[in-house]
């Protein structure tokens, strides 16, 4: 898989404050890469540097295996902050201005408006748009140059659940065209639903990176309820049990790798126990994120 972005020992200092601290990272073609971190972790500064709008202190980065140039930036569509559109102009007229600024053809305007589901509202004034529609128009403006890479900084910030779902689905659809997407967000659930890879930043340093699909692997937690009096003894005797804790009328069970709710239920049935309640829970990105942050403090 080709490397789209390579960052090596990148550092950005503002006086005594180090916003990005010796960051090294590689992003491959076709991935949806999530940058996670609390406020002040360096996400937006990192994006600003790789977009060449913030000068870095030391280190280097490459786009498509080469030193960044104006030609490379033409392949990148980005939303770092909410773009300013003219409130009394329509979506089409606003995008014509954006196309002129970016020095790209206006021929793609109808296509990108259809892509972000705003074509039916293309002649309406920007001021009549909902917050979600405004954000979708921002994404349309980034798509005008038919970029290879999309960079989105907090694209669902301030949106209601419906707006978040619309942007999430839009990002997934854009990725299906083969575009590489770099997404900075603090909404962990959204990153887990959208991204293929992620990195956690804290105080400018990368403290973890990996595949999103690997988060749910490993130990599994199961809630079990049953009427049998010897249920606790049976659970503790199960070879895959890591821990058993009572919780009102049910038991919370942690299982070792290689064991799951199905194997546990098979074991209980073999011992003449029929459960009245069995719910399996995999590790969430939120739990992984908090564990990584806690470990970095030790």
Protein backbone atom coordinates (compact mmCIF):
# COMPACT_ATOMS: atom_id res chain seq x y z
CA UNK A 1 0.00 0.00 0.00
CA UNK A 2 1.44 3.40 -1.00
CA UNK A 3 2.30 5.96 1.65
CA UNK A 4 0.30 9.15 1.17
CA UNK A 5 1.69 11.09 4.14
CA UNK A 6 4.92 10.51 6.04
CA UNK A 7 5.72 12.57 9.16
CA UNK A 8 9.13 12.24 10.83
CA UNK A 9 10.09 13.79 14.18
CA UNK A 10 7.79 16.76 13.63
CA UNK A 11 7.93 19.45 16.33
CA UNK A 12 6.14 22.77 16.62
CA UNK A 13 6.86 25.17 19.48
CA UNK A 14 5.15 28.39 20.46
CA UNK A 15 7.71 29.90 22.80
CA UNK A 16 7.87 27.62 25.85
CA UNK A 17 4.81 25.64 24.70
CA UNK A 18 5.43 22.55 22.58
CA UNK A 19 2.24 21.98 20.57
CA UNK A 20 3.62 19.04 18.55
CA UNK A 21 6.41 16.99 20.10
CA UNK A 22 8.64 14.75 17.93
CA UNK A 23 5.69 13.26 16.05
CA UNK A 24 6.30 10.44 13.55
CA UNK A 25 3.43 8.93 11.59
CA UNK A 26 2.62 7.23 8.28
CA UNK A 27 -0.74 7.25 6.54
CA UNK A 28 -1.38 4.82 3.70
CA UNK A 29 -3.46 5.30 0.57
CA UNK A 30 -7.17 4.53 0.93
CA UNK A 31 -7.29 4.64 4.73
CA UNK A 32 -9.60 6.72 6.91
CA UNK A 33 -7.22 7.87 9.61
CA UNK A 34 -8.52 9.34 12.85
CA UNK A 35 -6.45 11.71 15.00
CA UNK A 36 -7.73 11.53 18.57
CA UNK A 37 -6.79 13.51 21.63
CA UNK A 38 -8.09 15.85 24.31
CA UNK A 39 -8.11 19.61 23.79
CA UNK A 40 -4.58 20.93 23.41
CA UNK A 41 -3.20 17.59 22.22
CA UNK A 42 -1.84 19.01 18.97
CA UNK A 43 -4.35 17.64 16.45
CA UNK A 44 -5.21 20.92 14.72
CA UNK A 45 -1.61 22.16 14.86
CA UNK A 46 -0.43 18.96 13.16
CA UNK A 47 -3.01 19.39 10.41
CA UNK A 48 -2.02 23.04 10.01
CA UNK A 49 1.63 22.09 9.55
CA UNK A 50 1.01 19.38 6.95
CA UNK A 51 -1.22 21.82 5.05
CA UNK A 52 1.61 24.36 5.10
CA UNK A 53 -0.41 27.03 6.90
CA UNK A 54 1.69 26.70 10.08
CA UNK A 55 5.49 26.70 10.05
CA UNK A 56 7.02 23.84 12.00
CA UNK A 57 10.03 24.13 14.30
CA UNK A 58 11.83 20.94 13.31
CA UNK A 59 11.32 17.56 11.67
CA UNK A 60 9.88 16.91 8.24
CA UNK A 61 6.89 15.57 6.36
CA UNK A 62 6.33 14.31 2.83
CA UNK A 63 3.26 14.06 0.64
CA UNK A 64 3.19 11.11 -1.79
CA UNK A 65 6.85 10.32 -1.01
CA UNK A 66 8.07 13.77 -2.06
CA UNK A 67 8.89 17.14 -0.53
CA UNK A 68 5.63 19.14 -0.28
CA UNK A 69 4.93 21.48 -3.19
CA UNK A 70 2.13 23.56 -4.63
CA UNK A 71 1.27 20.70 -6.99
CA UNK A 72 0.82 18.31 -4.06
CA UNK A 73 -1.54 20.74 -2.30
CA UNK A 74 -3.79 20.68 -5.36
CA UNK A 75 -4.44 17.00 -4.55
CA UNK A 76 -5.63 17.84 -1.03
CA UNK A 77 -9.07 19.06 0.01
CA UNK A 78 -9.21 20.41 3.56
CA UNK A 79 -11.48 21.92 6.16
CA UNK A 80 -9.47 23.21 9.11
CA UNK A 81 -12.06 25.66 10.38
CA UNK A 82 -15.63 26.33 9.32
CA UNK A 83 -15.25 28.08 5.93
CA UNK A 84 -16.79 31.49 5.60
CA UNK A 85 -19.49 31.60 2.94
CA UNK A 86 -21.49 34.63 1.87
CA UNK A 87 -24.88 34.37 3.66
CA UNK A 88 -26.91 36.07 0.93
CA UNK A 89 -25.46 34.00 -1.91
CA UNK A 90 -26.65 30.57 -3.03
CA UNK A 91 -24.62 27.38 -2.71
CA UNK A 92 -23.78 27.54 -6.41
CA UNK A 93 -22.58 31.14 -6.26
CA UNK A 94 -20.53 30.50 -3.12
CA UNK A 95 -18.86 27.49 -4.75
CA UNK A 96 -18.10 29.55 -7.88
CA UNK A 97 -16.16 31.96 -5.66
CA UNK A 98 -14.32 29.04 -4.00
CA UNK A 99 -13.49 27.56 -7.41
CA UNK A 100 -12.10 30.92 -8.53
CA UNK A 101 -9.94 31.20 -5.40
CA UNK A 102 -8.66 27.63 -5.86
CA UNK A 103 -8.21 28.20 -9.59
CA UNK A 104 -10.22 25.11 -10.51
CA UNK A 105 -13.04 24.63 -13.00
CA UNK A 106 -16.64 25.31 -12.01
CA UNK A 107 -17.73 22.26 -14.02
CA UNK A 108 -17.62 20.08 -10.91
CA UNK A 109 -20.04 22.20 -8.83
CA UNK A 110 -23.24 20.29 -9.67
CA UNK A 111 -21.47 16.99 -9.08
CA UNK A 112 -20.17 17.89 -5.60
CA UNK A 113 -23.55 19.34 -4.59
CA UNK A 114 -25.17 16.04 -5.56
CA UNK A 115 -22.47 14.18 -3.66
CA UNK A 116 -23.23 16.05 -0.41
CA UNK A 117 -27.01 15.91 -1.02
CA UNK A 118 -27.47 19.66 -1.50
CA UNK A 119 -28.32 19.75 -5.20
CA UNK A 120 -32.03 20.35 -4.54
CA UNK A 121 -31.08 23.34 -2.37
CA UNK A 122 -28.37 24.63 -4.70
CA UNK A 123 -30.14 27.95 -5.43
CA UNK A 124 -31.10 28.70 -1.82
CA UNK A 125 -29.22 31.30 0.16
CA UNK A 126 -26.53 30.01 2.53
CA UNK A 127 -28.18 31.77 5.48
CA UNK A 128 -31.22 29.48 5.14
CA UNK A 129 -29.13 26.33 5.65
CA UNK A 130 -29.06 24.29 8.84
CA UNK A 131 -25.72 23.78 10.59
CA UNK A 132 -25.46 20.28 9.09
CA UNK A 133 -26.14 21.62 5.60
CA UNK A 134 -23.51 24.32 6.07
CA UNK A 135 -20.98 21.67 7.04
CA UNK A 136 -21.92 19.58 4.00
CA UNK A 137 -21.37 22.64 1.78
CA UNK A 138 -17.93 23.00 3.39
CA UNK A 139 -17.15 19.43 2.39
CA UNK A 140 -18.45 20.18 -1.12
CA UNK A 141 -16.01 23.09 -1.35
CA UNK A 142 -13.14 20.77 -0.37
CA UNK A 143 -14.25 18.28 -3.04
CA UNK A 144 -14.24 20.85 -5.86
CA UNK A 145 -10.71 20.01 -6.98
CA UNK A 146 -11.47 16.26 -6.90
CA UNK A 147 -8.72 15.72 -4.28
CA UNK A 148 -6.81 12.53 -3.61
CA UNK A 149 -6.74 13.31 0.12
CA UNK A 150 -9.40 14.90 2.34
CA UNK A 151 -8.43 16.53 5.66
CA UNK A 152 -11.31 17.21 8.05
CA UNK A 153 -10.85 18.90 11.42
CA UNK A 154 -13.79 18.14 13.75
CA UNK A 155 -16.31 17.82 10.87
CA UNK A 156 -19.24 16.98 13.19
CA UNK A 157 -18.51 19.65 15.82
CA UNK A 158 -21.73 21.22 17.12
CA UNK A 159 -24.06 19.02 15.07
CA UNK A 160 -27.13 17.23 16.41
CA UNK A 161 -27.34 13.41 16.16
CA UNK A 162 -28.99 13.55 12.75
CA UNK A 163 -26.34 15.94 11.43
CA UNK A 164 -23.57 13.74 12.83
CA UNK A 165 -25.05 10.68 11.13
CA UNK A 166 -25.29 12.57 7.81
CA UNK A 167 -21.65 13.66 7.92
CA UNK A 168 -20.56 10.16 9.01
CA UNK A 169 -22.34 8.56 6.05
CA UNK A 170 -20.96 11.21 3.70
CA UNK A 171 -17.37 10.52 4.82
CA UNK A 172 -17.88 6.79 4.29
CA UNK A 173 -19.26 7.42 0.78
CA UNK A 174 -16.35 9.72 -0.10
CA UNK A 175 -13.90 7.06 1.06
CA UNK A 176 -15.53 4.52 -1.28
CA UNK A 177 -14.15 6.56 -4.20
CA UNK A 178 -10.66 5.58 -3.04
CA UNK A 179 -9.83 8.87 -1.36
CA UNK A 180 -7.61 8.93 1.72
CA UNK A 181 -9.25 10.76 4.62
CA UNK A 182 -7.49 12.26 7.65
CA UNK A 183 -9.99 13.10 10.34
CA UNK A 184 -9.35 14.90 13.64
CA UNK A 185 -12.09 14.41 16.20
CA UNK A 186 -12.85 14.09 19.90
CA UNK A 187 -16.02 12.05 19.23
CA UNK A 188 -14.67 8.57 19.87
CA UNK A 189 -17.81 6.71 18.85
CA UNK A 190 -17.82 8.44 15.46
CA UNK A 191 -14.16 7.59 14.86
CA UNK A 192 -14.87 3.95 15.70
CA UNK A 193 -17.75 3.90 13.21
CA UNK A 194 -15.90 5.69 10.39
CA UNK A 195 -12.12 5.23 10.62
CA UNK A 196 -9.92 2.28 9.67
CA UNK A 197 -6.85 3.51 11.60
CA UNK A 198 -6.29 5.92 14.47
CA UNK A 199 -3.62 7.61 16.55
CA UNK A 200 -3.91 9.13 20.02
CA UNK A 201 -2.12 12.40 20.73
CA UNK A 202 -1.48 13.89 24.16
CA UNK A 203 0.38 17.13 24.78
CA UNK A 204 1.73 16.98 21.25
CA UNK A 205 3.12 13.44 21.50
CA UNK A 206 1.71 10.35 19.83
CA UNK A 207 1.10 7.79 22.58
CA UNK A 208 -0.69 5.12 20.54
CA UNK A 209 -1.51 4.14 16.97
CA UNK A 210 -3.27 1.12 15.51
CA UNK A 211 -6.21 -0.37 13.63
CA UNK A 212 -9.72 0.49 14.77
CA UNK A 213 -10.83 -3.11 14.18
CA UNK A 214 -8.22 -4.32 16.70
CA UNK A 215 -9.87 -2.32 19.50
CA UNK A 216 -12.73 -4.80 19.85
CA UNK A 217 -10.43 -7.81 19.82
CA UNK A 218 -9.11 -9.43 22.96
CA UNK A 219 -11.00 -9.93 26.19
CA UNK A 220 -14.78 -9.90 26.18
CA UNK A 221 -17.17 -8.91 28.97
CA UNK A 222 -20.46 -10.80 29.38
CA UNK A 223 -23.49 -10.12 31.55
CA UNK A 224 -25.28 -13.29 32.71
CA UNK A 225 -28.41 -13.95 34.74
CA UNK A 226 -29.74 -17.40 35.70
CA UNK A 227 -32.00 -18.90 38.36
CA UNK A 228 -29.70 -21.75 39.41
CA UNK A 229 -28.24 -21.41 42.91
CA UNK A 230 -24.85 -22.79 41.91
CA UNK A 231 -24.39 -20.33 39.02
CA UNK A 232 -21.53 -18.47 40.75
CA UNK A 233 -19.60 -21.68 41.39
CA UNK A 234 -20.12 -22.85 37.80
CA UNK A 235 -18.96 -19.52 36.40
CA UNK A 236 -15.81 -19.50 38.53
CA UNK A 237 -15.00 -23.04 37.39
CA UNK A 238 -15.18 -22.12 33.70
CA UNK A 239 -11.66 -22.28 32.23
CA UNK A 240 -12.07 -19.06 30.23
CA UNK A 241 -13.06 -16.92 33.20
CA UNK A 242 -10.83 -13.97 34.04
CA UNK A 243 -13.08 -12.51 36.73
CA UNK A 244 -16.65 -12.79 38.04
CA UNK A 245 -18.41 -9.93 39.82
CA UNK A 246 -22.01 -9.81 41.15
CA UNK A 247 -24.12 -6.86 40.00
CA UNK A 248 -27.62 -6.90 41.51
CA UNK A 249 -29.41 -9.84 39.86
CA UNK A 250 -26.72 -10.60 37.29
CA UNK A 251 -23.03 -11.47 37.00
CA UNK A 252 -20.39 -9.45 35.15
CA UNK A 253 -17.82 -11.79 33.63
CA UNK A 254 -14.50 -10.98 31.99
CA UNK A 255 -13.24 -13.65 29.60
CA UNK A 256 -9.72 -14.48 28.49
CA UNK A 257 -8.70 -14.25 24.82
CA UNK A 258 -10.11 -17.15 22.80
CA UNK A 259 -13.31 -17.36 24.85
CA UNK A 260 -16.58 -15.60 24.15
CA UNK A 261 -20.25 -15.51 25.06
CA UNK A 262 -20.96 -18.49 22.78
CA UNK A 263 -18.40 -20.78 24.41
CA UNK A 264 -19.55 -19.66 27.86
CA UNK A 265 -23.19 -20.35 27.05
CA UNK A 266 -22.29 -23.78 25.63
CA UNK A 267 -20.52 -24.57 28.91
CA UNK A 268 -23.54 -23.49 30.98
CA UNK A 269 -25.98 -25.49 28.87
CA UNK A 270 -23.74 -28.57 29.27
CA UNK A 271 -24.12 -28.06 33.02
CA UNK A 272 -27.93 -27.85 32.77
CA UNK A 273 -28.04 -24.07 33.21
CA UNK A 274 -30.36 -22.04 30.99
CA UNK A 275 -29.61 -18.32 31.25
CA UNK A 276 -32.39 -15.74 31.34
CA UNK A 277 -30.07 -12.93 30.31
CA UNK A 278 -26.81 -12.95 28.34
CA UNK A 279 -25.28 -9.79 26.82
CA UNK A 280 -21.81 -9.59 25.31
CA UNK A 281 -19.75 -6.40 25.26
CA UNK A 282 -16.57 -5.75 23.30
CA UNK A 283 -14.05 -3.09 24.25
CA UNK A 284 -15.02 0.30 22.83
CA UNK A 285 -12.67 2.89 21.39
CA UNK A 286 -13.61 5.12 24.31
CA UNK A 287 -12.37 2.52 26.81
CA UNK A 288 -9.20 1.97 24.79
CA UNK A 289 -8.66 5.73 24.58
CA UNK A 290 -9.04 6.22 28.33
CA UNK A 291 -6.74 3.27 29.05
CA UNK A 292 -4.06 4.72 26.75
CA UNK A 293 -4.31 8.14 28.37
CA UNK A 294 -4.14 6.62 31.87
CA UNK A 295 -1.11 4.51 30.95
CA UNK A 296 0.70 7.59 29.63
CA UNK A 297 0.35 9.25 33.06
CA UNK A 298 2.13 6.42 34.86
